[in-house]
Protein backbone atom coordinates (compact mmCIF):
# COMPACT_ATOMS: atom_id res chain seq x y z
CA MET A 1 -3.81 -14.60 -8.12
CA THR A 2 -0.45 -13.48 -6.72
CA ASP A 3 3.11 -14.59 -7.04
CA THR A 4 4.47 -16.86 -4.35
CA PHE A 5 5.99 -15.27 -1.26
CA SER A 6 8.40 -17.27 0.90
CA ILE A 7 10.33 -17.13 4.16
CA PRO A 8 13.14 -19.31 5.52
CA VAL A 9 12.46 -21.25 8.72
CA ARG A 10 15.03 -23.20 10.73
CA VAL A 11 13.73 -26.15 12.77
CA TYR A 12 14.75 -25.70 16.41
CA TYR A 13 14.70 -28.22 19.23
CA GLU A 14 11.51 -26.63 20.60
CA ASP A 15 9.73 -27.42 17.29
CA THR A 16 10.32 -31.16 17.59
CA ASP A 17 9.04 -34.14 19.52
CA ALA A 18 11.22 -36.54 21.52
CA GLY A 19 12.38 -38.19 18.28
CA GLY A 20 13.62 -34.95 16.71
CA ILE A 21 10.72 -34.78 14.22
CA VAL A 22 8.71 -31.56 13.81
CA TYR A 23 5.51 -31.80 15.84
CA HIS A 24 2.58 -31.48 13.42
CA VAL A 25 1.05 -28.30 14.85
CA ASN A 26 4.31 -26.43 14.33
CA TYR A 27 3.83 -26.51 10.55
CA LEU A 28 0.73 -24.37 11.18
CA LYS A 29 2.85 -21.94 13.21
CA PHE A 30 5.44 -21.75 10.42
CA MET A 31 2.64 -21.00 7.95
CA GLU A 32 1.11 -18.34 10.22
CA ARG A 33 4.51 -16.62 10.36
CA ALA A 34 4.75 -16.73 6.57
CA ARG A 35 1.26 -15.19 6.14
CA THR A 36 2.16 -12.48 8.67
CA GLU A 37 5.43 -11.69 6.87
CA TYR A 38 3.62 -11.69 3.53
CA LEU A 39 1.14 -9.15 4.86
CA ARG A 40 4.00 -7.09 6.33
CA SER A 41 5.77 -7.16 2.94
CA THR A 42 2.78 -5.35 1.41
CA GLY A 43 3.11 -2.53 3.95
CA TYR A 44 -0.22 -3.60 5.47
CA ASP A 45 0.58 -5.36 8.74
CA HIS A 46 -1.70 -6.35 11.61
CA GLN A 47 -1.31 -2.93 13.28
CA LYS A 48 -2.59 -1.22 10.12
CA LEU A 49 -5.52 -3.65 10.02
CA LEU A 50 -6.42 -2.81 13.62
CA GLN A 51 -6.23 0.92 12.82
CA ASP A 52 -8.77 0.24 10.06
CA LYS A 53 -10.88 -1.71 12.60
CA LYS A 54 -10.33 -4.97 10.69
CA GLN A 55 -8.81 -8.32 11.54
CA LEU A 56 -8.04 -11.41 9.51
CA VAL A 57 -9.14 -14.69 11.09
CA VAL A 58 -8.59 -18.27 9.93
CA VAL A 59 -12.02 -19.90 9.61
CA ASP A 60 -11.01 -23.14 7.90
CA ALA A 61 -7.80 -25.09 7.39
CA SER A 62 -7.01 -28.22 5.41
CA VAL A 63 -3.55 -29.72 5.88
CA GLN A 64 -1.77 -32.61 4.17
CA PHE A 65 1.45 -33.92 5.68
CA LYS A 66 3.71 -35.50 3.06
CA GLN A 67 7.09 -36.01 4.75
CA THR A 68 8.69 -35.12 8.06
CA ALA A 69 11.00 -32.26 8.88
CA ARG A 70 13.67 -32.81 11.50
CA LEU A 71 15.78 -30.90 13.97
CA ASP A 72 18.07 -28.30 12.29
CA ASP A 73 16.39 -28.61 8.86
CA ALA A 74 16.32 -25.41 6.80
CA LEU A 75 12.80 -25.04 5.42
CA THR A 76 11.17 -22.70 2.95
CA VAL A 77 7.57 -21.79 3.74
CA THR A 78 5.53 -20.31 0.90
CA VAL A 79 2.33 -18.27 0.66
CA ARG A 80 0.12 -17.66 -2.34
CA ILE A 81 -3.39 -16.23 -2.48
CA GLU A 82 -5.47 -18.69 -4.42
CA SER A 83 -8.66 -16.62 -4.45
CA MET A 84 -10.13 -13.48 -2.91
CA GLY A 85 -13.79 -12.70 -2.37
CA LYS A 86 -15.51 -9.71 -0.84
CA ALA A 87 -14.69 -10.65 2.76
CA ARG A 88 -12.47 -13.74 2.54
CA MET A 89 -9.31 -15.11 0.99
CA VAL A 90 -8.00 -18.60 0.37
CA PHE A 91 -4.26 -19.06 0.91
CA LEU A 92 -2.27 -22.00 -0.46
CA GLN A 93 0.82 -22.63 1.65
CA GLN A 94 3.62 -25.14 1.43
CA CYS A 95 6.68 -26.16 3.46
CA PHE A 96 9.72 -27.42 1.56
CA ARG A 97 13.13 -28.80 2.49
CA GLU A 98 15.59 -28.49 -0.40
CA GLY A 99 12.73 -28.46 -2.91
CA VAL A 100 10.94 -31.47 -1.41
CA LEU A 101 7.32 -30.81 -0.38
CA LEU A 102 6.81 -31.70 3.29
CA CYS A 103 3.44 -30.15 4.05
CA GLU A 104 0.71 -28.33 2.13
CA ALA A 105 -2.32 -26.44 3.47
CA ARG A 106 -5.22 -24.28 2.39
CA PHE A 107 -6.44 -21.62 4.78
CA VAL A 108 -9.71 -19.74 4.42
CA VAL A 109 -9.21 -16.36 6.07
CA ALA A 110 -12.14 -14.05 6.78
CA CYS A 111 -11.98 -10.29 7.22
CA LEU A 112 -13.88 -9.25 10.35
CA ASP A 113 -14.85 -5.93 11.86
CA SER A 114 -12.59 -5.84 14.94
CA GLN A 115 -15.35 -4.46 17.16
CA SER A 116 -18.46 -6.41 16.10
CA ARG A 117 -16.49 -9.54 15.05
CA LYS A 118 -18.80 -9.83 12.02
CA PRO A 119 -17.61 -10.37 8.44
CA THR A 120 -16.80 -7.18 6.59
CA ALA A 121 -15.40 -6.30 3.19
CA ILE A 122 -11.66 -6.35 2.67
CA THR A 123 -10.63 -2.71 2.24
CA GLU A 124 -9.87 -1.62 -1.30
CA SER A 125 -6.35 -0.55 -0.29
CA LEU A 126 -5.57 -3.99 1.16
CA ARG A 127 -7.18 -5.72 -1.83
CA LYS A 128 -4.90 -3.74 -4.19
CA LYS A 129 -1.79 -4.55 -2.17
CA LEU A 130 -2.61 -8.26 -2.02
CA SER A 131 -3.50 -8.40 -5.71
CA SER A 132 -0.19 -6.82 -6.69
CA ASP A 133 2.43 -9.14 -8.14
CA ASP A 134 5.37 -7.14 -6.79
CA ASN A 135 5.25 -8.44 -3.18
CA SER A 136 7.11 -11.70 -3.74
CA SER A 137 10.44 -12.40 -2.11
């Protein structure tokens, strides 16, 4: 649906376990940062969503760990919208080290009304920005 967006991530000591390997939940944090930066790159960040009384919430995640990342590794974390419905999107995200796939995940993200917390349609302006192919980095 869209081109792939990516951000660089350096693995810090705080991201690792006692053996210097990235603790599994931190891949999810890296991916959350990438989705946030992707949204920001469209000019439609979380503050804008809140002004529109909307919020994006992860409702399902499926993660496959392929290889480990280690202390001081330079990673690339990617984001691509796989599909978009009326009130939800599916993101495909991947973490790479020098082109080697370390982790891959699919996130189902729902658009909610920020006051009622009930599903609501993704605004047309956000839909257009996310459907545009000129947001890649």
